[in-house]
C-alpha cells in the first residue's frame, strides 16, 4: 500500500493516508506529519516499501530453496514436506520483521504519529 499526502490538519501538519486499493484493509490508520517534511517522507516511504517487499520475496524464495536442496540431498519426501514450507515461512518472517523495523525507523526519524480524529 502506498502513502499519499492528505488533508491539512492545521497550519503546520498534514494527514498521511494510504491510497485506496483492493488490498487495503478497512481499518488502516492515518498518520500526521509536519507539512514541510510530508513530500520527502512519502517519497522515501513508498520507495522503501517496494525494496522491502522485494527483500521479503527474495528471503522467502532463498530459504524455501534451501529447504528444497536439503530435501534433494537427503532424498526424503519427509524433508521436502517439512523443509520447503518451513524455509518459506522463515524467510517471510525474517523479511517482514526487517521491513517493519525499517518502516518504524523511518517514521520515527520524521516524527510521524498516528492520527486520531
Protein backbone atom coordinates (compact mmCIF):
# COMPACT_ATOMS: atom_id res chain seq x y z
CA UNK A 1 0.00 0.00 0.00
CA UNK A 2 1.30 3.40 -0.93
CA UNK A 3 1.08 6.50 1.23
CA UNK A 4 -0.11 9.85 -0.05
CA UNK A 5 -0.37 13.33 1.44
CA UNK A 6 -3.93 14.03 2.54
CA UNK A 7 -5.82 16.97 4.01
CA UNK A 8 -4.32 19.68 6.19
CA UNK A 9 -4.93 19.19 9.90
CA UNK A 10 -3.77 22.67 10.90
CA UNK A 11 -1.21 25.23 9.74
CA UNK A 12 1.78 23.01 10.48
CA UNK A 13 0.56 19.44 9.96
CA UNK A 14 -0.99 17.32 7.22
CA UNK A 15 -2.59 13.92 7.25
CA UNK A 16 -0.99 10.93 5.52
CA UNK A 17 -3.37 8.33 4.12
CA UNK A 18 -2.91 5.06 2.30
CA UNK A 19 -4.25 5.09 -1.25
CA UNK A 20 -7.44 3.19 -1.86
CA UNK A 21 -6.73 -0.18 -3.39
CA UNK A 22 -8.23 -3.68 -3.35
CA UNK A 23 -5.64 -4.88 -0.81
CA UNK A 24 -6.20 -2.01 1.65
CA UNK A 25 -7.70 -3.19 4.95
CA UNK A 26 -10.77 -1.32 6.19
CA UNK A 27 -9.17 -0.24 9.47
CA UNK A 28 -5.98 1.27 8.04
CA UNK A 29 -4.77 4.13 10.26
CA UNK A 30 -3.97 7.62 9.07
CA UNK A 31 -0.86 9.45 10.20
CA UNK A 32 0.15 13.06 10.73
CA UNK A 33 3.39 14.83 9.87
CA UNK A 34 4.74 18.37 9.55
CA UNK A 35 3.85 19.92 6.19
CA UNK A 36 7.48 20.72 5.40
CA UNK A 37 8.51 17.06 5.70
CA UNK A 38 5.46 15.40 4.13
CA UNK A 39 6.51 15.12 0.47
CA UNK A 40 10.02 13.90 1.28
CA UNK A 41 8.70 11.32 3.76
CA UNK A 42 6.05 9.97 1.35
CA UNK A 43 8.64 9.65 -1.42
CA UNK A 44 11.08 7.78 0.84
CA UNK A 45 8.37 5.57 2.39
CA UNK A 46 6.93 4.49 -0.97
CA UNK A 47 10.40 3.87 -2.44
CA UNK A 48 11.43 1.86 0.61
CA UNK A 49 8.20 -0.16 0.52
CA UNK A 50 9.00 -1.56 -2.94
CA UNK A 51 12.52 -2.53 -1.89
CA UNK A 52 11.35 -4.17 1.32
CA UNK A 53 8.64 -6.18 -0.47
CA UNK A 54 11.27 -7.45 -2.91
CA UNK A 55 13.59 -8.27 0.01
CA UNK A 56 10.84 -10.29 1.70
CA UNK A 57 10.13 -12.20 -1.51
CA UNK A 58 13.83 -12.97 -2.02
CA UNK A 59 14.37 -14.20 1.55
CA UNK A 60 11.29 -16.43 1.30
CA UNK A 61 12.44 -17.85 -2.01
CA UNK A 62 16.01 -18.41 -0.86
CA UNK A 63 15.11 -20.16 2.37
CA UNK A 64 12.43 -22.20 0.60
CA UNK A 65 15.08 -23.17 -1.95
CA UNK A 66 17.44 -24.20 0.83
CA UNK A 67 14.66 -26.43 2.17
CA UNK A 68 14.30 -27.96 -1.31
CA UNK A 69 18.06 -28.54 -1.60
CA UNK A 70 18.10 -30.27 1.78
CA UNK A 71 15.22 -32.48 0.65
CA UNK A 72 17.08 -33.39 -2.56
CA UNK A 73 20.34 -34.13 -0.73
CA UNK A 74 18.57 -36.24 1.90
CA UNK A 75 16.39 -37.84 -0.79
CA UNK A 76 13.47 -37.68 1.57
CA UNK A 77 9.89 -36.68 0.95
CA UNK A 78 9.57 -36.01 4.68
CA UNK A 79 12.33 -33.39 4.46
CA UNK A 80 10.62 -31.85 1.43
CA UNK A 81 7.21 -31.70 3.11
CA UNK A 82 8.69 -30.08 6.21
CA UNK A 83 11.73 -28.20 4.87
CA UNK A 84 10.28 -26.26 1.96
CA UNK A 85 7.28 -24.71 3.80
CA UNK A 86 9.38 -24.02 6.90
CA UNK A 87 12.04 -22.34 4.76
CA UNK A 88 9.46 -20.16 3.04
CA UNK A 89 7.85 -19.28 6.38
CA UNK A 90 11.21 -18.46 7.96
CA UNK A 91 12.14 -16.24 5.01
CA UNK A 92 8.80 -14.47 5.17
CA UNK A 93 9.15 -13.89 8.93
CA UNK A 94 12.68 -12.54 8.54
CA UNK A 95 11.64 -10.26 5.68
CA UNK A 96 8.54 -8.89 7.41
CA UNK A 97 10.39 -8.32 10.67
CA UNK A 98 13.13 -6.34 8.95
CA UNK A 99 10.55 -4.45 6.85
CA UNK A 100 8.55 -3.49 9.92
CA UNK A 101 11.68 -2.30 11.71
CA UNK A 102 12.79 -0.19 8.72
CA UNK A 103 9.35 1.41 8.29
CA UNK A 104 9.09 2.21 12.00
CA UNK A 105 12.60 3.68 11.97
CA UNK A 106 11.72 5.95 9.05
CA UNK A 107 8.53 7.07 10.80
CA UNK A 108 10.49 7.84 13.96
CA UNK A 109 13.09 9.90 12.05
CA UNK A 110 10.35 12.06 10.51
CA UNK A 111 8.29 12.23 13.72
CA UNK A 112 5.22 10.66 12.12
CA UNK A 113 2.41 10.00 14.59
CA UNK A 114 -0.85 8.11 14.21
CA UNK A 115 -3.73 10.50 13.56
CA UNK A 116 -6.82 10.07 15.66
CA UNK A 117 -9.83 12.22 14.88
